[in-house]
Amino acid sequence: MMTTTELAQVLFATALQPSDRLSPYQIRAAVDERLCACGGDPDRCAAYVAQEAGDHPETYVVRMRWALDAVAGAYAPAAA
């Protein structure tokens, strides 16, 4: 099972935006789709996140906070 941080890194690597109004289902589907595109390897998504953090440090923190909050909300009901 993936951690919240790993799930957030995968979500960060999608084209979804914090301004999108997304349901938990849409977030989980986007994470599944992106993880599949990365060959099921969350480290590939983490590498993208690291590159984005270096290229765009001014937006990295806001986007990662959104991704962490979004996956925490989207996956919490599934864990309960």
N, C-alpha and C. Protein backbone atom coordinates (compact mmCIF):
# COMPACT_ATOMS: atom_id res chain seq x y z
N MET A 1 0.85 -1.19 0.00
CA MET A 1 0.00 0.00 0.00
C MET A 1 0.89 1.25 0.00
N MET A 2 0.49 2.23 -0.78
CA MET A 2 1.27 3.47 -0.91
C MET A 2 0.95 4.42 0.24
N THR A 3 1.94 5.21 0.61
CA THR A 3 1.75 6.22 1.66
C THR A 3 1.05 7.44 1.08
N THR A 4 0.57 8.29 1.97
CA THR A 4 -0.05 9.55 1.54
C THR A 4 0.94 10.39 0.74
N THR A 5 2.18 10.41 1.16
CA THR A 5 3.20 11.18 0.44
C THR A 5 3.41 10.63 -0.96
N GLU A 6 3.49 9.33 -1.10
CA GLU A 6 3.66 8.74 -2.44
C GLU A 6 2.45 9.04 -3.31
N LEU A 7 1.25 8.91 -2.76
CA LEU A 7 0.04 9.22 -3.52
C LEU A 7 0.03 10.68 -3.94
N ALA A 8 0.46 11.57 -3.05
CA ALA A 8 0.50 13.01 -3.37
C ALA A 8 1.49 13.29 -4.49
N GLN A 9 2.61 12.60 -4.48
CA GLN A 9 3.59 12.80 -5.56
C GLN A 9 3.02 12.36 -6.90
N VAL A 10 2.27 11.28 -6.89
CA VAL A 10 1.64 10.83 -8.14
C VAL A 10 0.60 11.86 -8.59
N LEU A 11 -0.23 12.34 -7.66
CA LEU A 11 -1.24 13.34 -8.02
C LEU A 11 -0.57 14.62 -8.51
N PHE A 12 0.50 15.03 -7.87
CA PHE A 12 1.25 16.21 -8.28
C PHE A 12 1.66 16.10 -9.74
N ALA A 13 1.99 14.89 -10.18
CA ALA A 13 2.48 14.66 -11.53
C ALA A 13 1.37 14.61 -12.58
N THR A 14 0.13 14.78 -12.17
CA THR A 14 -0.98 14.80 -13.13
C THR A 14 -1.19 16.22 -13.64
N ALA A 15 -2.09 16.35 -14.61
CA ALA A 15 -2.44 17.67 -15.15
C ALA A 15 -3.52 18.35 -14.32
N LEU A 16 -4.05 17.70 -13.31
CA LEU A 16 -5.09 18.29 -12.48
C LEU A 16 -4.56 19.53 -11.78
N GLN A 17 -5.46 20.44 -11.50
CA GLN A 17 -5.10 21.71 -10.87
C GLN A 17 -5.84 21.89 -9.55
N PRO A 18 -5.23 22.61 -8.62
CA PRO A 18 -5.92 22.88 -7.35
C PRO A 18 -7.26 23.59 -7.54
N SER A 19 -7.41 24.33 -8.62
CA SER A 19 -8.67 25.04 -8.87
C SER A 19 -9.77 24.13 -9.40
N ASP A 20 -9.42 22.91 -9.82
CA ASP A 20 -10.42 21.96 -10.30
C ASP A 20 -11.27 21.49 -9.11
N ARG A 21 -12.54 21.36 -9.34
CA ARG A 21 -13.43 20.81 -8.30
C ARG A 21 -13.52 19.31 -8.56
N LEU A 22 -12.80 18.57 -7.76
CA LEU A 22 -12.66 17.13 -8.00
C LEU A 22 -13.27 16.31 -6.87
N SER A 23 -13.94 15.26 -7.28
CA SER A 23 -14.48 14.33 -6.29
C SER A 23 -13.37 13.38 -5.85
N PRO A 24 -13.54 12.72 -4.72
CA PRO A 24 -12.55 11.71 -4.31
C PRO A 24 -12.34 10.65 -5.40
N TYR A 25 -13.42 10.27 -6.08
CA TYR A 25 -13.31 9.28 -7.15
C TYR A 25 -12.41 9.80 -8.26
N GLN A 26 -12.59 11.06 -8.67
CA GLN A 26 -11.77 11.63 -9.74
C GLN A 26 -10.30 11.69 -9.34
N ILE A 27 -10.04 12.02 -8.10
CA ILE A 27 -8.65 12.07 -7.61
C ILE A 27 -8.03 10.68 -7.64
N ARG A 28 -8.75 9.69 -7.13
CA ARG A 28 -8.23 8.32 -7.13
C ARG A 28 -8.02 7.80 -8.55
N ALA A 29 -8.95 8.14 -9.45
CA ALA A 29 -8.82 7.70 -10.85
C ALA A 29 -7.61 8.35 -11.51
N ALA A 30 -7.38 9.63 -11.23
CA ALA A 30 -6.23 10.34 -11.81
C ALA A 30 -4.93 9.75 -11.28
N VAL A 31 -4.89 9.43 -10.00
CA VAL A 31 -3.70 8.82 -9.41
C VAL A 31 -3.45 7.46 -10.05
N ASP A 32 -4.49 6.66 -10.19
CA ASP A 32 -4.34 5.34 -10.82
C ASP A 32 -3.85 5.45 -12.25
N GLU A 33 -4.41 6.39 -13.00
CA GLU A 33 -4.03 6.59 -14.41
C GLU A 33 -2.57 7.03 -14.53
N ARG A 34 -2.18 7.98 -13.70
CA ARG A 34 -0.80 8.48 -13.76
C ARG A 34 0.20 7.43 -13.31
N LEU A 35 -0.16 6.69 -12.28
CA LEU A 35 0.73 5.64 -11.80
C LEU A 35 0.91 4.57 -12.88
N CYS A 36 -0.15 4.26 -13.57
CA CYS A 36 -0.07 3.30 -14.68
C CYS A 36 0.83 3.85 -15.78
N ALA A 37 0.72 5.15 -16.08
CA ALA A 37 1.56 5.77 -17.10
C ALA A 37 3.03 5.77 -16.70
N CYS A 38 3.28 5.70 -15.40
CA CYS A 38 4.67 5.64 -14.89
C CYS A 38 5.12 4.19 -14.71
N GLY A 39 4.43 3.28 -15.34
CA GLY A 39 4.80 1.87 -15.25
C GLY A 39 4.59 1.28 -13.87
N GLY A 40 3.71 1.90 -13.08
CA GLY A 40 3.44 1.41 -11.74
C GLY A 40 4.52 1.75 -10.74
N ASP A 41 5.47 2.59 -11.14
CA ASP A 41 6.61 2.93 -10.29
C ASP A 41 6.44 4.34 -9.72
N PRO A 42 6.08 4.46 -8.44
CA PRO A 42 5.90 5.80 -7.87
C PRO A 42 7.19 6.62 -7.86
N ASP A 43 8.33 5.97 -7.93
CA ASP A 43 9.60 6.71 -7.98
C ASP A 43 9.72 7.54 -9.25
N ARG A 44 9.14 7.08 -10.33
CA ARG A 44 9.16 7.86 -11.58
C ARG A 44 8.37 9.15 -11.40
N CYS A 45 7.25 9.08 -10.68
CA CYS A 45 6.48 10.29 -10.40
C CYS A 45 7.25 11.19 -9.45
N ALA A 46 7.92 10.61 -8.48
CA ALA A 46 8.71 11.40 -7.53
C ALA A 46 9.83 12.15 -8.25
N ALA A 47 10.40 11.55 -9.26
CA ALA A 47 11.45 12.22 -10.03
C ALA A 47 10.88 13.44 -10.75
N TYR A 48 9.68 13.33 -11.27
CA TYR A 48 9.03 14.46 -11.92
C TYR A 48 8.78 15.57 -10.90
N VAL A 49 8.32 15.20 -9.71
CA VAL A 49 8.05 16.17 -8.65
C VAL A 49 9.34 16.92 -8.29
N ALA A 50 10.43 16.19 -8.17
CA ALA A 50 11.72 16.82 -7.83
C ALA A 50 12.13 17.80 -8.92
N GLN A 51 11.93 17.42 -10.16
CA GLN A 51 12.27 18.33 -11.26
C GLN A 51 11.42 19.58 -11.21
N GLU A 52 10.13 19.42 -10.99
CA GLU A 52 9.23 20.57 -10.91
C GLU A 52 9.58 21.47 -9.73
N ALA A 53 9.98 20.87 -8.60
CA ALA A 53 10.37 21.66 -7.43
C ALA A 53 11.58 22.52 -7.76
N GLY A 54 12.51 21.97 -8.51
CA GLY A 54 13.69 22.73 -8.90
C GLY A 54 13.40 23.78 -9.95
N ASP A 55 12.53 23.44 -10.90
CA ASP A 55 12.21 24.36 -11.99
C ASP A 55 11.24 25.46 -11.56
N HIS A 56 10.33 25.14 -10.64
CA HIS A 56 9.28 26.09 -10.25
C HIS A 56 9.10 26.11 -8.73
N PRO A 57 10.13 26.51 -8.00
CA PRO A 57 10.02 26.48 -6.54
C PRO A 57 8.92 27.40 -6.00
N GLU A 58 8.58 28.41 -6.76
CA GLU A 58 7.56 29.37 -6.31
C GLU A 58 6.16 28.75 -6.26
N THR A 59 5.91 27.71 -7.04
CA THR A 59 4.59 27.07 -7.04
C THR A 59 4.60 25.68 -6.42
N TYR A 60 5.78 25.15 -6.19
CA TYR A 60 5.89 23.78 -5.68
C TYR A 60 5.15 23.58 -4.35
N VAL A 61 5.39 24.45 -3.39
CA VAL A 61 4.82 24.26 -2.05
C VAL A 61 3.30 24.27 -2.09
N VAL A 62 2.73 25.21 -2.80
CA VAL A 62 1.27 25.31 -2.88
C VAL A 62 0.69 24.07 -3.55
N ARG A 63 1.30 23.62 -4.64
CA ARG A 63 0.78 22.45 -5.35
C ARG A 63 0.94 21.18 -4.52
N MET A 64 2.07 21.04 -3.83
CA MET A 64 2.26 19.84 -3.02
C MET A 64 1.31 19.82 -1.84
N ARG A 65 1.07 20.97 -1.22
CA ARG A 65 0.10 21.04 -0.12
C ARG A 65 -1.27 20.61 -0.61
N TRP A 66 -1.66 21.11 -1.79
CA TRP A 66 -2.94 20.72 -2.39
C TRP A 66 -2.97 19.22 -2.62
N ALA A 67 -1.90 18.67 -3.19
CA ALA A 67 -1.87 17.24 -3.49
C ALA A 67 -1.97 16.40 -2.21
N LEU A 68 -1.25 16.81 -1.18
CA LEU A 68 -1.32 16.09 0.10
C LEU A 68 -2.73 16.14 0.68
N ASP A 69 -3.33 17.31 0.69
CA ASP A 69 -4.69 17.45 1.22
C ASP A 69 -5.70 16.67 0.38
N ALA A 70 -5.54 16.73 -0.94
CA ALA A 70 -6.48 16.06 -1.83
C ALA A 70 -6.44 14.54 -1.65
N VAL A 71 -5.25 13.97 -1.60
CA VAL A 71 -5.19 12.51 -1.45
C VAL A 71 -5.61 12.09 -0.04
N ALA A 72 -5.30 12.89 0.96
CA ALA A 72 -5.74 12.56 2.32
C ALA A 72 -7.27 12.48 2.36
N GLY A 73 -7.93 13.41 1.71
CA GLY A 73 -9.39 13.39 1.66
C GLY A 73 -9.95 12.30 0.78
N ALA A 74 -9.29 12.05 -0.34
CA ALA A 74 -9.80 11.06 -1.30
C ALA A 74 -9.60 9.62 -0.83
N TYR A 75 -8.56 9.39 -0.07
CA TYR A 75 -8.27 8.02 0.35
C TYR A 75 -8.71 7.73 1.77
N ALA A 76 -9.03 8.73 2.57
CA ALA A 76 -9.47 8.50 3.95
C ALA A 76 -10.74 7.66 4.03
N PRO A 77 -11.78 7.96 3.22
CA PRO A 77 -12.99 7.13 3.30
C PRO A 77 -12.72 5.66 2.90
N ALA A 78 -11.80 5.46 1.98
CA ALA A 78 -11.51 4.10 1.54
C ALA A 78 -10.81 3.31 2.65
N ALA A 79 -10.07 4.01 3.51
CA ALA A 79 -9.35 3.34 4.58
C ALA A 79 -10.25 3.07 5.78
N ALA A 80 -11.35 3.79 5.87
CA ALA A 80 -12.23 3.64 7.04
C ALA A 80 -13.10 2.41 6.94
